[in-house]
C-alpha cells in the first residue's frame, strides 16, 4: 500500500488551472450582464451565485471554451494590463454597497434563464461528473448566503 499521493503532470495542472480561470471569467461576465438586466451598477455575491449556477448548466456547451483555455494557458501575467491597474478599493467613495435586486424575466433571455436555473437549483441533479462537481462546490460556497 502506497501512502504518497500520485504526482500530477504539470500540463494537467496547467489545463485545469486554465479551465477554472475561464469558468470564473465567464461567470463574472455573466454576472455583469445580469446586473445590467437588473438595472444596477454593482455586482453582488448573489449575482455571482446566479452566474455560477448558470455556468454550471451552460459552461460545457460553450463553443469557445477550448480556444479560450488555450489563450489563458499562453497568457503571461507580466503582460496582463489588469495586474498593473489593480487598486485597492477601501477608500473609494463611488463603491457603495448596492443591494441585490433580481432581474425581471422580461429584461432579457439571459436573465430569464438565470432566474430559472436559480429557482430550480435545489432539484437539479446533473448526470455529468463535471457538472456534479460544480454543483457541489457552488452549494458548499453559498450554503450560508
C-alpha atoms as a PDB file:
ATOM      1  CA  UNK A   1       0.000   0.000   0.000  1.00  0.00           C
ATOM      2  CA  UNK A   2       1.352   3.395  -1.014  1.00  0.00           C
ATOM      3  CA  UNK A   3       0.762   6.476   1.124  1.00  0.00           C
ATOM      4  CA  UNK A   4       2.282   9.015  -1.227  1.00  0.00           C
ATOM      5  CA  UNK A   5      -0.170  10.948  -3.379  1.00  0.00           C
ATOM      6  CA  UNK A   6       0.117  10.466  -7.125  1.00  0.00           C
ATOM      7  CA  UNK A   7       2.123  13.071  -8.988  1.00  0.00           C
ATOM      8  CA  UNK A   8       0.061  15.133 -11.385  1.00  0.00           C
ATOM      9  CA  UNK A   9       1.890  16.159 -14.549  1.00  0.00           C
ATOM     10  CA  UNK A  10       2.438  19.904 -14.951  1.00  0.00           C
ATOM     11  CA  UNK A  11       0.440  20.061 -18.192  1.00  0.00           C
ATOM     12  CA  UNK A  12      -2.601  18.542 -16.457  1.00  0.00           C
ATOM     13  CA  UNK A  13      -2.378  21.123 -13.667  1.00  0.00           C
ATOM     14  CA  UNK A  14      -1.976  23.916 -16.214  1.00  0.00           C
ATOM     15  CA  UNK A  15      -5.030  22.690 -18.173  1.00  0.00           C
ATOM     16  CA  UNK A  16      -7.114  22.502 -15.005  1.00  0.00           C
ATOM     17  CA  UNK A  17      -5.989  25.974 -13.938  1.00  0.00           C
ATOM     18  CA  UNK A  18      -6.835  27.393 -17.372  1.00  0.00           C
ATOM     19  CA  UNK A  19     -10.263  25.774 -17.303  1.00  0.00           C
ATOM     20  CA  UNK A  20     -11.030  27.204 -13.863  1.00  0.00           C
ATOM     21  CA  UNK A  21      -9.884  30.668 -14.896  1.00  0.00           C
ATOM     22  CA  UNK A  22     -12.090  30.570 -17.985  1.00  0.00           C
ATOM     23  CA  UNK A  23     -15.039  29.381 -15.881  1.00  0.00           C
ATOM     24  CA  UNK A  24     -14.539  32.268 -13.454  1.00  0.00           C
ATOM     25  CA  UNK A  25     -14.107  34.727 -16.316  1.00  0.00           C
ATOM     26  CA  UNK A  26     -17.342  33.556 -17.938  1.00  0.00           C
ATOM     27  CA  UNK A  27     -19.158  33.705 -14.595  1.00  0.00           C
ATOM     28  CA  UNK A  28     -18.030  37.290 -13.991  1.00  0.00           C
ATOM     29  CA  UNK A  29     -19.114  38.359 -17.473  1.00  0.00           C
ATOM     30  CA  UNK A  30     -22.443  36.600 -16.968  1.00  0.00           C
ATOM     31  CA  UNK A  31     -22.888  38.302 -13.580  1.00  0.00           C
ATOM     32  CA  UNK A  32     -22.214  41.685 -15.192  1.00  0.00           C
ATOM     33  CA  UNK A  33     -24.855  41.044 -17.830  1.00  0.00           C
ATOM     34  CA  UNK A  34     -27.316  40.082 -15.103  1.00  0.00           C
ATOM     35  CA  UNK A  35     -26.550  43.292 -13.190  1.00  0.00           C
ATOM     36  CA  UNK A  36     -27.301  45.314 -16.343  1.00  0.00           C
ATOM     37  CA  UNK A  37     -30.583  43.431 -16.800  1.00  0.00           C
ATOM     38  CA  UNK A  38     -31.495  44.282 -13.194  1.00  0.00           C
ATOM     39  CA  UNK A  39     -30.700  47.977 -13.815  1.00  0.00           C
ATOM     40  CA  UNK A  40     -27.975  48.012 -11.188  1.00  0.00           C
ATOM     41  CA  UNK A  41     -24.329  49.021 -11.358  1.00  0.00           C
ATOM     42  CA  UNK A  42     -22.634  46.777  -8.784  1.00  0.00           C
ATOM     43  CA  UNK A  43     -22.050  43.026  -8.894  1.00  0.00           C
ATOM     44  CA  UNK A  44     -23.077  41.408  -5.601  1.00  0.00           C
ATOM     45  CA  UNK A  45     -22.245  37.980  -4.210  1.00  0.00           C
ATOM     46  CA  UNK A  46     -25.777  36.922  -5.168  1.00  0.00           C
ATOM     47  CA  UNK A  47     -25.099  37.930  -8.781  1.00  0.00           C
ATOM     48  CA  UNK A  48     -22.010  35.725  -8.667  1.00  0.00           C
ATOM     49  CA  UNK A  49     -24.098  32.890  -7.243  1.00  0.00           C
ATOM     50  CA  UNK A  50     -26.683  33.228 -10.017  1.00  0.00           C
ATOM     51  CA  UNK A  51     -23.890  33.372 -12.623  1.00  0.00           C
ATOM     52  CA  UNK A  52     -22.140  30.272 -11.285  1.00  0.00           C
ATOM     53  CA  UNK A  53     -25.448  28.394 -11.285  1.00  0.00           C
ATOM     54  CA  UNK A  54     -25.931  29.475 -14.880  1.00  0.00           C
ATOM     55  CA  UNK A  55     -22.421  28.402 -15.844  1.00  0.00           C
ATOM     56  CA  UNK A  56     -22.887  25.033 -14.124  1.00  0.00           C
ATOM     57  CA  UNK A  57     -25.629  24.413 -16.685  1.00  0.00           C
ATOM     58  CA  UNK A  58     -24.195  26.194 -19.720  1.00  0.00           C
ATOM     59  CA  UNK A  59     -20.389  26.243 -19.483  1.00  0.00           C
ATOM     60  CA  UNK A  60     -19.773  22.884 -21.130  1.00  0.00           C
ATOM     61  CA  UNK A  61     -21.941  23.812 -24.131  1.00  0.00           C
ATOM     62  CA  UNK A  62     -19.972  26.944 -24.942  1.00  0.00           C
ATOM     63  CA  UNK A  63     -18.160  26.621 -28.258  1.00  0.00           C
ATOM     64  CA  UNK A  64     -15.177  28.804 -27.338  1.00  0.00           C
ATOM     65  CA  UNK A  65     -14.029  27.014 -24.170  1.00  0.00           C
ATOM     66  CA  UNK A  66     -11.157  25.048 -25.698  1.00  0.00           C
ATOM     67  CA  UNK A  67      -9.858  28.080 -27.584  1.00  0.00           C
ATOM     68  CA  UNK A  68     -10.224  30.368 -24.556  1.00  0.00           C
ATOM     69  CA  UNK A  69      -8.425  27.847 -22.305  1.00  0.00           C
ATOM     70  CA  UNK A  70      -5.537  27.739 -24.767  1.00  0.00           C
ATOM     71  CA  UNK A  71      -5.417  31.551 -24.769  1.00  0.00           C
ATOM     72  CA  UNK A  72      -5.384  31.647 -20.957  1.00  0.00           C
ATOM     73  CA  UNK A  73      -2.669  28.992 -20.785  1.00  0.00           C
ATOM     74  CA  UNK A  74      -0.491  31.097 -23.090  1.00  0.00           C
ATOM     75  CA  UNK A  75      -1.051  34.408 -21.277  1.00  0.00           C
ATOM     76  CA  UNK A  76       1.822  35.705 -19.214  1.00  0.00           C
ATOM     77  CA  UNK A  77       0.768  37.704 -16.171  1.00  0.00           C
ATOM     78  CA  UNK A  78       3.612  40.164 -16.746  1.00  0.00           C
ATOM     79  CA  UNK A  79       1.870  41.163 -19.969  1.00  0.00           C
ATOM     80  CA  UNK A  80      -1.504  41.467 -18.275  1.00  0.00           C
ATOM     81  CA  UNK A  81      -2.654  45.084 -18.150  1.00  0.00           C
ATOM     82  CA  UNK A  82      -5.181  44.284 -15.412  1.00  0.00           C
ATOM     83  CA  UNK A  83      -2.409  43.277 -12.991  1.00  0.00           C
ATOM     84  CA  UNK A  84      -0.834  46.724 -13.254  1.00  0.00           C
ATOM     85  CA  UNK A  85      -4.133  48.566 -12.950  1.00  0.00           C
ATOM     86  CA  UNK A  86      -5.421  46.814  -9.832  1.00  0.00           C
ATOM     87  CA  UNK A  87      -6.022  49.132  -6.932  1.00  0.00           C
ATOM     88  CA  UNK A  88      -7.456  48.540  -3.509  1.00  0.00           C
ATOM     89  CA  UNK A  89     -10.933  49.986  -3.250  1.00  0.00           C
ATOM     90  CA  UNK A  90     -11.054  50.600   0.502  1.00  0.00           C
ATOM     91  CA  UNK A  91     -11.416  54.381   0.268  1.00  0.00           C
ATOM     92  CA  UNK A  92     -13.401  54.535  -2.950  1.00  0.00           C
ATOM     93  CA  UNK A  93     -16.422  56.816  -2.498  1.00  0.00           C
ATOM     94  CA  UNK A  94     -18.085  55.519  -5.664  1.00  0.00           C
ATOM     95  CA  UNK A  95     -18.077  51.922  -4.413  1.00  0.00           C
ATOM     96  CA  UNK A  96     -21.108  51.888  -2.156  1.00  0.00           C
ATOM     97  CA  UNK A  97     -22.700  48.569  -1.354  1.00  0.00           C
ATOM     98  CA  UNK A  98     -25.667  48.053  -3.606  1.00  0.00           C
ATOM     99  CA  UNK A  99     -28.381  45.664  -2.538  1.00  0.00           C
ATOM    100  CA  UNK A 100     -29.178  42.725  -4.807  1.00  0.00           C
ATOM    101  CA  UNK A 101     -32.375  43.043  -6.778  1.00  0.00           C
ATOM    102  CA  UNK A 102     -33.481  40.268  -9.065  1.00  0.00           C
ATOM    103  CA  UNK A 103     -33.630  40.960 -12.778  1.00  0.00           C
ATOM    104  CA  UNK A 104     -37.066  40.715 -14.303  1.00  0.00           C
ATOM    105  CA  UNK A 105     -37.563  37.702 -16.584  1.00  0.00           C
ATOM    106  CA  UNK A 106     -38.681  40.081 -19.323  1.00  0.00           C
ATOM    107  CA  UNK A 107     -35.390  42.024 -19.176  1.00  0.00           C
ATOM    108  CA  UNK A 108     -33.615  39.561 -21.473  1.00  0.00           C
ATOM    109  CA  UNK A 109     -33.358  35.855 -22.250  1.00  0.00           C
ATOM    110  CA  UNK A 110     -30.198  35.525 -20.157  1.00  0.00           C
ATOM    111  CA  UNK A 111     -31.882  36.935 -17.041  1.00  0.00           C
ATOM    112  CA  UNK A 112     -34.887  34.677 -17.563  1.00  0.00           C
ATOM    113  CA  UNK A 113     -32.643  31.622 -17.867  1.00  0.00           C
ATOM    114  CA  UNK A 114     -30.501  32.613 -14.877  1.00  0.00           C
ATOM    115  CA  UNK A 115     -33.598  33.102 -12.732  1.00  0.00           C
ATOM    116  CA  UNK A 116     -34.937  29.716 -13.811  1.00  0.00           C
ATOM    117  CA  UNK A 117     -31.645  27.957 -13.027  1.00  0.00           C
ATOM    118  CA  UNK A 118     -31.577  29.637  -9.613  1.00  0.00           C
ATOM    119  CA  UNK A 119     -35.203  28.744  -8.866  1.00  0.00           C
ATOM    120  CA  UNK A 120     -34.747  25.091  -9.837  1.00  0.00           C
ATOM    121  CA  UNK A 121     -31.239  24.680  -8.403  1.00  0.00           C
ATOM    122  CA  UNK A 122     -32.213  22.540  -5.406  1.00  0.00           C
ATOM    123  CA  UNK A 123     -33.987  19.994  -7.619  1.00  0.00           C
ATOM    124  CA  UNK A 124     -31.347  19.894 -10.364  1.00  0.00           C
ATOM    125  CA  UNK A 125     -29.482  16.593 -10.440  1.00  0.00           C
ATOM    126  CA  UNK A 126     -26.812  16.734 -13.156  1.00  0.00           C
ATOM    127  CA  UNK A 127     -25.617  13.465 -14.625  1.00  0.00           C
ATOM    128  CA  UNK A 128     -22.203  14.623 -15.847  1.00  0.00           C
ATOM    129  CA  UNK A 129     -19.408  14.335 -13.252  1.00  0.00           C
ATOM    130  CA  UNK A 130     -18.056  17.830 -14.004  1.00  0.00           C
ATOM    131  CA  UNK A 131     -21.494  19.421 -13.529  1.00  0.00           C
ATOM    132  CA  UNK A 132     -21.990  17.402 -10.337  1.00  0.00           C
ATOM    133  CA  UNK A 133     -18.670  18.713  -9.001  1.00  0.00           C
ATOM    134  CA  UNK A 134     -19.612  22.281  -9.905  1.00  0.00           C
ATOM    135  CA  UNK A 135     -22.975  21.924  -8.191  1.00  0.00           C
ATOM    136  CA  UNK A 136     -21.349  20.577  -5.021  1.00  0.00           C
ATOM    137  CA  UNK A 137     -18.808  23.405  -4.989  1.00  0.00           C
ATOM    138  CA  UNK A 138     -21.463  26.077  -5.501  1.00  0.00           C
ATOM    139  CA  UNK A 139     -23.685  24.529  -2.827  1.00  0.00           C
ATOM    140  CA  UNK A 140     -20.760  24.454  -0.401  1.00  0.00           C
ATOM    141  CA  UNK A 141     -19.725  28.046  -1.102  1.00  0.00           C
ATOM    142  CA  UNK A 142     -23.193  29.566  -0.902  1.00  0.00           C
ATOM    143  CA  UNK A 143     -24.827  27.415   1.758  1.00  0.00           C
ATOM    144  CA  UNK A 144     -24.751  30.270   4.252  1.00  0.00           C
ATOM    145  CA  UNK A 145     -25.647  33.021   1.773  1.00  0.00           C
END
